[in-house]
Protein backbone atom coordinates (compact mmCIF):
# COMPACT_ATOMS: atom_id res chain seq x y z
CA MET A 1 0.00 0.00 0.00
CA SER A 2 1.42 3.39 -0.90
CA ALA A 3 -0.63 5.33 1.63
CA VAL A 4 1.20 6.74 4.66
CA ILE A 5 0.02 5.95 8.17
CA SER A 6 -1.34 9.08 9.86
CA ASN A 7 -1.70 7.82 13.44
CA GLU A 8 1.30 5.68 14.33
CA THR A 9 -0.11 4.30 17.58
CA GLY A 10 -3.67 3.63 16.42
CA ASP A 11 -6.90 4.66 18.09
CA ILE A 12 -8.51 2.26 20.54
CA GLU A 13 -12.17 1.53 19.84
CA GLY A 14 -13.44 -1.07 22.28
CA ASP A 15 -11.11 -4.03 21.96
CA LEU A 16 -9.97 -3.03 18.45
CA LYS A 17 -7.13 -0.80 17.31
CA LYS A 18 -7.97 1.47 14.37
CA TYR A 19 -5.28 2.92 12.10
CA LYS A 20 -5.72 5.74 9.58
CA PHE A 21 -3.79 6.24 6.36
CA VAL A 22 -3.41 9.20 3.98
CA GLN A 23 -3.04 8.75 0.22
CA LYS A 24 -1.83 12.06 -1.26
CA ILE A 25 -1.17 10.65 -4.73
CA PRO A 26 -4.43 10.12 -6.64
CA ILE A 27 -4.86 6.65 -8.10
CA PRO A 28 -7.67 5.18 -10.21
CA SER A 29 -10.09 2.96 -8.32
CA TYR A 30 -9.26 -0.04 -10.53
CA LEU A 31 -5.72 -0.06 -9.08
CA ILE A 32 -6.95 -0.75 -5.55
CA ALA A 33 -6.88 -4.31 -4.21
CA ILE A 34 -7.78 -5.66 -0.80
CA ALA A 35 -6.57 -9.11 0.19
CA ALA A 36 -7.22 -11.09 3.35
CA GLY A 37 -6.45 -14.63 4.37
CA ASN A 38 -3.54 -16.98 4.01
CA ILE A 39 -1.42 -15.23 1.38
CA VAL A 40 2.27 -15.25 0.59
CA GLY A 41 4.33 -13.19 -1.80
CA LYS A 42 7.17 -13.86 -4.21
CA ARG A 43 9.21 -11.26 -6.08
CA VAL A 44 9.39 -11.99 -9.79
CA GLY A 45 11.04 -8.72 -10.79
CA PRO A 46 12.53 -5.57 -9.29
CA ARG A 47 9.05 -4.01 -8.95
CA VAL A 48 6.73 -6.99 -9.36
CA THR A 49 5.58 -9.20 -6.49
CA ILE A 50 3.00 -11.98 -6.84
CA TRP A 51 0.61 -12.50 -3.91
CA THR A 52 -1.49 -15.67 -3.64
CA GLU A 53 -2.30 -18.64 -1.46
CA PRO A 54 0.78 -20.79 -0.76
CA GLU A 55 -0.36 -23.73 -2.91
CA PHE A 56 -0.63 -21.47 -6.02
CA LEU A 57 2.57 -19.46 -5.51
CA GLU A 58 4.92 -21.20 -7.95
CA ALA A 59 2.31 -21.51 -10.72
CA SER A 60 1.33 -17.86 -10.29
CA ALA A 61 4.95 -16.70 -10.28
CA TYR A 62 5.53 -18.64 -13.51
CA GLU A 63 2.42 -17.12 -15.10
CA PHE A 64 3.53 -13.55 -14.30
CA MET A 65 7.33 -13.88 -14.70
CA GLU A 66 7.31 -11.70 -17.86
CA THR A 67 5.46 -8.81 -16.20
CA GLU A 68 8.63 -6.71 -15.76
CA ASP A 69 9.45 -7.09 -19.46
CA ASN A 70 5.89 -6.04 -20.33
CA LEU A 71 6.21 -2.97 -18.11
CA LYS A 72 9.47 -1.99 -19.78
CA ALA A 73 7.92 -2.37 -23.25
CA ALA A 74 4.95 -0.23 -22.23
CA GLU A 75 7.27 2.45 -20.79
CA LYS A 76 9.16 2.65 -24.09
CA VAL A 77 5.89 3.55 -25.80
CA LEU A 78 4.15 5.56 -23.07
CA GLY A 79 6.98 6.82 -20.85
CA GLU A 80 7.61 5.98 -17.22
């Protein structure tokens, strides 16, 4: 997540701790993802990480291993 935490200690609400984040850089809504559960990550490039359930990690990493090359090709056409 690229948002910056705005209350380092968190606010106590009952038996829960609530954190707030600030996102100063606008991003399109289709670039937002929320994941919960048993997930693990694997880096497949200098700026690409695959997140999935452990049993799908290697297959997912294989499927997306060319993502960095695709990003570089797109940047040649569109800019960084």
